[in-house]
Amino acid sequence: MELNFSTRTPKRDGGYTEKFDVQLTNRAGGDMYKANSAGEKRRADLSIALALQDLVIHLTNVAVYDEFFDGLDEVGVENAIALLEEKAKVVGTIFVITHNAHFSSLFEKKITIVKDANGISTLQKGKNSHEIS
């Protein structure tokens, strides 16, 4: 899979239009984003998000990923964890938000937020959660 980013699109008159675009080429899947499987789309989405983050990484020392592992198979999850470990060396602090308890075992430190029947979210305290100070 290859992703190409462009910031301008050629016009018929020979000029250019300023437009951010991402082209996906997948030798093993569809030739357009929509023609790929959910897992392939998710990998492309993560690649795009990580590439854009690399452009602005010098502005912050925190990265937040929401539902980072959704749609990934086992190999995809393993590769994503390796990417996060590499990012942590550069960024410093990484937060991964997930509703899947299975993925929480992949992380050393956890912050657990619980929403009650009234829709109020609170920090869960316990041996598997870490308090935020």
N, C-alpha and C. Protein backbone atom coordinates (compact mmCIF):
# COMPACT_ATOMS: atom_id res chain seq x y z
N MET A 1 0.85 -1.17 0.00
CA MET A 1 0.00 0.00 0.00
C MET A 1 0.89 1.23 0.00
N GLU A 2 0.54 2.18 -0.83
CA GLU A 2 1.30 3.42 -0.92
C GLU A 2 0.35 4.60 -0.85
N LEU A 3 0.71 5.60 -0.07
CA LEU A 3 -0.07 6.82 0.05
C LEU A 3 0.76 7.98 -0.49
N ASN A 4 0.15 8.77 -1.34
CA ASN A 4 0.81 9.96 -1.88
C ASN A 4 0.00 11.19 -1.50
N PHE A 5 0.68 12.18 -0.95
CA PHE A 5 0.05 13.42 -0.54
C PHE A 5 0.37 14.50 -1.57
N SER A 6 -0.61 15.30 -1.90
CA SER A 6 -0.37 16.45 -2.78
C SER A 6 -1.12 17.65 -2.23
N THR A 7 -0.57 18.82 -2.51
CA THR A 7 -1.19 20.05 -2.00
C THR A 7 -1.77 20.90 -3.12
N ARG A 8 -1.66 20.44 -4.34
CA ARG A 8 -2.28 21.15 -5.44
C ARG A 8 -2.67 20.16 -6.54
N THR A 9 -3.72 20.50 -7.24
CA THR A 9 -4.28 19.65 -8.28
C THR A 9 -4.20 20.38 -9.61
N PRO A 10 -3.73 19.69 -10.66
CA PRO A 10 -3.66 20.35 -11.97
C PRO A 10 -5.04 20.67 -12.53
N LYS A 11 -5.16 21.83 -13.16
CA LYS A 11 -6.41 22.23 -13.82
C LYS A 11 -6.26 22.01 -15.32
N ARG A 12 -7.39 22.01 -16.02
CA ARG A 12 -7.37 21.80 -17.47
C ARG A 12 -6.62 22.89 -18.22
N ASP A 13 -6.63 24.11 -17.67
CA ASP A 13 -5.98 25.22 -18.36
C ASP A 13 -4.46 25.26 -18.13
N GLY A 14 -3.94 24.26 -17.42
CA GLY A 14 -2.50 24.20 -17.17
C GLY A 14 -2.09 24.76 -15.83
N GLY A 15 -2.98 25.46 -15.17
CA GLY A 15 -2.69 26.00 -13.85
C GLY A 15 -2.93 24.95 -12.76
N TYR A 16 -2.93 25.41 -11.54
CA TYR A 16 -3.13 24.52 -10.41
C TYR A 16 -4.15 25.09 -9.43
N THR A 17 -4.84 24.19 -8.75
CA THR A 17 -5.75 24.54 -7.67
C THR A 17 -5.11 24.08 -6.37
N GLU A 18 -5.12 24.96 -5.36
CA GLU A 18 -4.61 24.58 -4.05
C GLU A 18 -5.61 23.64 -3.40
N LYS A 19 -5.23 22.39 -3.24
CA LYS A 19 -6.13 21.38 -2.68
C LYS A 19 -5.29 20.26 -2.08
N PHE A 20 -5.56 19.94 -0.82
CA PHE A 20 -4.87 18.82 -0.19
C PHE A 20 -5.57 17.55 -0.59
N ASP A 21 -4.81 16.58 -1.07
CA ASP A 21 -5.39 15.32 -1.53
C ASP A 21 -4.46 14.17 -1.15
N VAL A 22 -5.07 13.02 -0.91
CA VAL A 22 -4.32 11.80 -0.61
C VAL A 22 -4.75 10.74 -1.61
N GLN A 23 -3.77 10.18 -2.30
CA GLN A 23 -4.03 9.10 -3.26
C GLN A 23 -3.53 7.79 -2.67
N LEU A 24 -4.38 6.77 -2.70
CA LEU A 24 -4.04 5.45 -2.17
C LEU A 24 -3.84 4.49 -3.34
N THR A 25 -2.70 3.82 -3.36
CA THR A 25 -2.43 2.77 -4.34
C THR A 25 -2.17 1.49 -3.56
N ASN A 26 -2.94 0.47 -3.85
CA ASN A 26 -2.82 -0.79 -3.13
C ASN A 26 -2.70 -1.93 -4.14
N ARG A 27 -1.52 -2.48 -4.28
CA ARG A 27 -1.30 -3.56 -5.24
C ARG A 27 -2.07 -4.82 -4.87
N ALA A 28 -2.36 -5.00 -3.57
CA ALA A 28 -3.05 -6.22 -3.11
C ALA A 28 -4.54 -5.99 -2.89
N GLY A 29 -5.02 -4.76 -3.05
CA GLY A 29 -6.43 -4.46 -2.79
C GLY A 29 -7.00 -3.60 -3.89
N GLY A 30 -7.98 -2.80 -3.53
CA GLY A 30 -8.63 -1.93 -4.49
C GLY A 30 -7.75 -0.79 -4.92
N ASP A 31 -8.03 -0.24 -6.11
CA ASP A 31 -7.23 0.86 -6.62
C ASP A 31 -7.71 2.22 -6.11
N MET A 32 -8.83 2.23 -5.38
CA MET A 32 -9.34 3.44 -4.76
C MET A 32 -9.62 3.14 -3.30
N TYR A 33 -9.64 4.16 -2.47
CA TYR A 33 -9.86 3.98 -1.03
C TYR A 33 -11.12 3.17 -0.77
N LYS A 34 -12.21 3.53 -1.41
CA LYS A 34 -13.50 2.87 -1.18
C LYS A 34 -13.49 1.39 -1.54
N ALA A 35 -12.60 0.98 -2.43
CA ALA A 35 -12.57 -0.40 -2.90
C ALA A 35 -11.76 -1.32 -1.98
N ASN A 36 -11.18 -0.79 -0.91
CA ASN A 36 -10.37 -1.60 0.00
C ASN A 36 -11.22 -2.13 1.15
N SER A 37 -10.71 -3.16 1.80
CA SER A 37 -11.41 -3.75 2.95
C SER A 37 -11.38 -2.77 4.12
N ALA A 38 -12.19 -3.04 5.14
CA ALA A 38 -12.22 -2.19 6.34
C ALA A 38 -10.84 -2.14 7.00
N GLY A 39 -10.16 -3.28 7.08
CA GLY A 39 -8.83 -3.31 7.67
C GLY A 39 -7.81 -2.53 6.88
N GLU A 40 -7.88 -2.62 5.55
CA GLU A 40 -6.96 -1.86 4.69
C GLU A 40 -7.23 -0.37 4.81
N LYS A 41 -8.51 0.00 4.88
CA LYS A 41 -8.85 1.42 5.06
C LYS A 41 -8.33 1.92 6.40
N ARG A 42 -8.47 1.10 7.44
CA ARG A 42 -8.01 1.50 8.77
C ARG A 42 -6.50 1.70 8.78
N ARG A 43 -5.77 0.81 8.12
CA ARG A 43 -4.31 0.97 8.04
C ARG A 43 -3.95 2.25 7.30
N ALA A 44 -4.66 2.53 6.23
CA ALA A 44 -4.42 3.78 5.50
C ALA A 44 -4.74 4.98 6.38
N ASP A 45 -5.86 4.94 7.09
CA ASP A 45 -6.23 6.04 7.98
C ASP A 45 -5.17 6.29 9.04
N LEU A 46 -4.67 5.21 9.66
CA LEU A 46 -3.63 5.35 10.68
C LEU A 46 -2.34 5.91 10.08
N SER A 47 -2.00 5.46 8.89
CA SER A 47 -0.80 5.98 8.22
C SER A 47 -0.91 7.47 7.95
N ILE A 48 -2.08 7.89 7.50
CA ILE A 48 -2.32 9.31 7.23
C ILE A 48 -2.23 10.12 8.52
N ALA A 49 -2.87 9.63 9.58
CA ALA A 49 -2.84 10.34 10.86
C ALA A 49 -1.42 10.45 11.40
N LEU A 50 -0.65 9.38 11.31
CA LEU A 50 0.73 9.40 11.81
C LEU A 50 1.61 10.31 10.95
N ALA A 51 1.40 10.32 9.65
CA ALA A 51 2.19 11.19 8.78
C ALA A 51 1.89 12.66 9.07
N LEU A 52 0.63 12.99 9.24
CA LEU A 52 0.27 14.38 9.57
C LEU A 52 0.81 14.78 10.93
N GLN A 53 0.78 13.84 11.87
CA GLN A 53 1.32 14.13 13.19
C GLN A 53 2.82 14.42 13.10
N ASP A 54 3.53 13.68 12.25
CA ASP A 54 4.96 13.93 12.09
C ASP A 54 5.25 15.36 11.63
N LEU A 55 4.31 15.95 10.88
CA LEU A 55 4.50 17.32 10.42
C LEU A 55 4.43 18.34 11.54
N VAL A 56 3.67 18.02 12.60
CA VAL A 56 3.47 18.99 13.69
C VAL A 56 4.03 18.51 15.02
N ILE A 57 4.78 17.43 15.02
CA ILE A 57 5.24 16.82 16.26
C ILE A 57 6.09 17.77 17.11
N HIS A 58 6.78 18.68 16.49
CA HIS A 58 7.63 19.61 17.22
C HIS A 58 6.83 20.62 18.04
N LEU A 59 5.53 20.70 17.84
CA LEU A 59 4.69 21.66 18.55
C LEU A 59 4.17 21.14 19.88
N THR A 60 4.27 19.84 20.14
CA THR A 60 3.69 19.27 21.35
C THR A 60 4.51 18.08 21.83
N ASN A 61 4.30 17.70 23.08
CA ASN A 61 4.95 16.50 23.60
C ASN A 61 3.92 15.46 24.05
N VAL A 62 2.69 15.60 23.53
CA VAL A 62 1.60 14.67 23.86
C VAL A 62 0.89 14.28 22.56
N ALA A 63 0.57 12.99 22.45
CA ALA A 63 -0.22 12.50 21.32
C ALA A 63 -1.40 11.71 21.88
N VAL A 64 -2.56 11.88 21.26
CA VAL A 64 -3.77 11.16 21.69
C VAL A 64 -4.33 10.42 20.50
N TYR A 65 -4.57 9.13 20.69
CA TYR A 65 -5.15 8.28 19.64
C TYR A 65 -6.44 7.67 20.17
N ASP A 66 -7.53 7.94 19.48
CA ASP A 66 -8.84 7.44 19.89
C ASP A 66 -9.20 6.22 19.05
N GLU A 67 -9.48 5.11 19.72
CA GLU A 67 -9.85 3.84 19.06
C GLU A 67 -8.82 3.46 17.99
N PHE A 68 -7.57 3.55 18.36
CA PHE A 68 -6.43 3.33 17.47
C PHE A 68 -6.42 1.93 16.85
N PHE A 69 -6.92 0.93 17.56
CA PHE A 69 -6.81 -0.45 17.10
C PHE A 69 -8.05 -0.97 16.38
N ASP A 70 -9.12 -0.19 16.34
CA ASP A 70 -10.35 -0.64 15.69
C ASP A 70 -10.09 -1.02 14.23
N GLY A 71 -10.62 -2.16 13.83
CA GLY A 71 -10.53 -2.60 12.45
C GLY A 71 -9.21 -3.25 12.08
N LEU A 72 -8.29 -3.40 13.03
CA LEU A 72 -7.00 -4.02 12.73
C LEU A 72 -7.01 -5.49 13.12
N ASP A 73 -6.36 -6.32 12.31
CA ASP A 73 -6.20 -7.72 12.67
C ASP A 73 -5.03 -7.85 13.65
N GLU A 74 -4.71 -9.07 14.06
CA GLU A 74 -3.67 -9.29 15.06
C GLU A 74 -2.32 -8.73 14.63
N VAL A 75 -1.95 -8.95 13.39
CA VAL A 75 -0.68 -8.43 12.88
C VAL A 75 -0.71 -6.90 12.85
N GLY A 76 -1.85 -6.34 12.46
CA GLY A 76 -2.00 -4.88 12.45
C GLY A 76 -1.84 -4.29 13.84
N VAL A 77 -2.41 -4.96 14.84
CA VAL A 77 -2.29 -4.48 16.23
C VAL A 77 -0.83 -4.53 16.67
N GLU A 78 -0.14 -5.63 16.35
CA GLU A 78 1.27 -5.75 16.71
C GLU A 78 2.10 -4.64 16.06
N ASN A 79 1.84 -4.37 14.80
CA ASN A 79 2.55 -3.30 14.11
C ASN A 79 2.22 -1.93 14.69
N ALA A 80 0.95 -1.73 15.06
CA ALA A 80 0.53 -0.46 15.66
C ALA A 80 1.23 -0.24 17.00
N ILE A 81 1.35 -1.31 17.80
CA ILE A 81 2.05 -1.20 19.09
C ILE A 81 3.51 -0.81 18.86
N ALA A 82 4.15 -1.43 17.88
CA ALA A 82 5.54 -1.08 17.56
C ALA A 82 5.65 0.38 17.15
N LEU A 83 4.69 0.87 16.35
CA LEU A 83 4.69 2.28 15.96
C LEU A 83 4.53 3.20 17.16
N LEU A 84 3.62 2.84 18.07
CA LEU A 84 3.41 3.65 19.27
C LEU A 84 4.66 3.70 20.14
N GLU A 85 5.35 2.57 20.24
CA GLU A 85 6.59 2.54 21.03
C GLU A 85 7.63 3.47 20.42
N GLU A 86 7.74 3.49 19.10
CA GLU A 86 8.67 4.39 18.43
C GLU A 86 8.25 5.85 18.61
N LYS A 87 6.94 6.12 18.48
CA LYS A 87 6.43 7.49 18.66
C LYS A 87 6.69 7.99 20.07
N ALA A 88 6.56 7.10 21.07
CA ALA A 88 6.75 7.49 22.47
C ALA A 88 8.17 8.00 22.70
N LYS A 89 9.13 7.50 21.95
CA LYS A 89 10.51 7.96 22.09
C LYS A 89 10.66 9.41 21.64
N VAL A 90 9.83 9.83 20.69
CA VAL A 90 9.90 11.19 20.15
C VAL A 90 8.94 12.12 20.87
N VAL A 91 7.70 11.65 21.07
CA VAL A 91 6.65 12.50 21.63
C VAL A 91 6.78 12.64 23.13
N GLY A 92 7.01 11.56 23.81
CA GLY A 92 7.09 11.58 25.27
C GLY A 92 5.89 10.93 25.91
N THR A 93 4.71 11.51 25.71
CA THR A 93 3.49 10.98 26.34
C THR A 93 2.47 10.64 25.26
N ILE A 94 1.97 9.42 25.32
CA ILE A 94 0.95 8.98 24.38
C ILE A 94 -0.24 8.45 25.15
N PHE A 95 -1.43 8.91 24.79
CA PHE A 95 -2.67 8.40 25.34
C PHE A 95 -3.40 7.64 24.24
N VAL A 96 -3.82 6.43 24.54
CA VAL A 96 -4.61 5.64 23.60
C VAL A 96 -5.96 5.39 24.26
N ILE A 97 -7.01 5.83 23.61
CA ILE A 97 -8.37 5.66 24.14
C ILE A 97 -8.98 4.44 23.48
N THR A 98 -9.49 3.52 24.31
CA THR A 98 -10.15 2.34 23.79
C THR A 98 -11.27 1.91 24.70
N HIS A 99 -12.29 1.31 24.12
CA HIS A 99 -13.39 0.74 24.89
C HIS A 99 -13.24 -0.76 24.99
N ASN A 100 -12.21 -1.30 24.37
CA ASN A 100 -11.98 -2.73 24.34
C ASN A 100 -11.01 -3.12 25.45
N ALA A 101 -11.50 -3.84 26.45
CA ALA A 101 -10.68 -4.24 27.60
C ALA A 101 -9.50 -5.10 27.18
N HIS A 102 -9.62 -5.84 26.09
CA HIS A 102 -8.53 -6.69 25.62
C HIS A 102 -7.26 -5.87 25.35
N PHE A 103 -7.43 -4.69 24.78
CA PHE A 103 -6.28 -3.87 24.43
C PHE A 103 -5.62 -3.23 25.64
N SER A 104 -6.33 -3.09 26.74
CA SER A 104 -5.73 -2.46 27.92
C SER A 104 -4.56 -3.28 28.45
N SER A 105 -4.55 -4.58 28.20
CA SER A 105 -3.44 -5.42 28.66
C SER A 105 -2.14 -5.11 27.90
N LEU A 106 -2.22 -4.39 26.81
CA LEU A 106 -1.04 -4.05 26.01
C LEU A 106 -0.25 -2.89 26.61
N PHE A 107 -0.82 -2.23 27.62
CA PHE A 107 -0.20 -1.03 28.16
C PHE A 107 0.14 -1.20 29.64
N GLU A 108 1.27 -0.63 30.01
CA GLU A 108 1.75 -0.71 31.38
C GLU A 108 0.91 0.17 32.32
N LYS A 109 0.56 1.37 31.90
CA LYS A 109 -0.19 2.30 32.72
C LYS A 109 -1.56 2.52 32.11
N LYS A 110 -2.57 2.58 32.97
CA LYS A 110 -3.94 2.75 32.49
C LYS A 110 -4.67 3.79 33.33
N ILE A 111 -5.51 4.52 32.67
CA ILE A 111 -6.45 5.42 33.34
C ILE A 111 -7.82 4.94 32.92
N THR A 112 -8.64 4.58 33.87
CA THR A 112 -9.96 4.04 33.55
C THR A 112 -11.03 5.05 33.91
N ILE A 113 -11.85 5.41 32.94
CA ILE A 113 -12.97 6.32 33.13
C ILE A 113 -14.24 5.50 33.00
N VAL A 114 -15.15 5.66 33.95
CA VAL A 114 -16.40 4.89 33.95
C VAL A 114 -17.57 5.87 33.89
N LYS A 115 -18.53 5.59 33.00
CA LYS A 115 -19.73 6.42 32.90
C LYS A 115 -20.86 5.70 33.62
N ASP A 116 -21.52 6.41 34.53
CA ASP A 116 -22.62 5.78 35.28
C ASP A 116 -23.94 5.89 34.51
N ALA A 117 -25.00 5.36 35.10
CA ALA A 117 -26.32 5.33 34.45
C ALA A 117 -26.85 6.73 34.14
N ASN A 118 -26.38 7.74 34.86
CA ASN A 118 -26.82 9.12 34.64
C ASN A 118 -25.97 9.84 33.59
N GLY A 119 -24.98 9.12 33.02
CA GLY A 119 -24.14 9.73 32.00
C GLY A 119 -22.98 10.53 32.55
N ILE A 120 -22.69 10.39 33.84
CA ILE A 120 -21.60 11.11 34.47
C ILE A 120 -20.36 10.23 34.48
N SER A 121 -19.25 10.76 33.95
CA SER A 121 -18.00 10.01 33.89
C SER A 121 -17.12 10.34 35.07
N THR A 122 -16.52 9.30 35.65
CA THR A 122 -15.62 9.48 36.79
C THR A 122 -14.38 8.60 36.59
N LEU A 123 -13.31 9.01 37.24
CA LEU A 123 -12.08 8.25 37.21
C LEU A 123 -12.22 7.06 38.15
N GLN A 124 -11.99 5.87 37.65
CA GLN A 124 -12.07 4.66 38.48
C GLN A 124 -10.76 4.48 39.21
N LYS A 125 -10.83 4.28 40.50
CA LYS A 125 -9.62 4.05 41.29
C LYS A 125 -9.48 2.56 41.52
N GLY A 126 -8.27 2.11 41.62
CA GLY A 126 -8.02 0.70 41.87
C GLY A 126 -6.61 0.33 41.47
N LYS A 127 -6.28 -0.93 41.67
CA LYS A 127 -4.90 -1.37 41.44
C LYS A 127 -4.51 -1.32 39.95
N ASN A 128 -5.47 -1.36 39.05
CA ASN A 128 -5.16 -1.34 37.61
C ASN A 128 -5.27 0.05 37.00
N SER A 129 -5.62 1.04 37.78
CA SER A 129 -5.75 2.40 37.26
C SER A 129 -4.75 3.32 37.94
N HIS A 130 -4.36 4.35 37.25
CA HIS A 130 -3.44 5.34 37.80
C HIS A 130 -4.16 6.68 37.88
N GLU A 131 -3.96 7.35 39.01
CA GLU A 131 -4.62 8.64 39.18
C GLU A 131 -3.90 9.71 38.39
N ILE A 132 -4.67 10.67 37.93
CA ILE A 132 -4.11 11.82 37.24
C ILE A 132 -3.92 12.93 38.27
N SER A 133 -2.74 13.51 38.29
CA SER A 133 -2.52 14.62 39.24
C SER A 133 -2.24 15.89 38.50
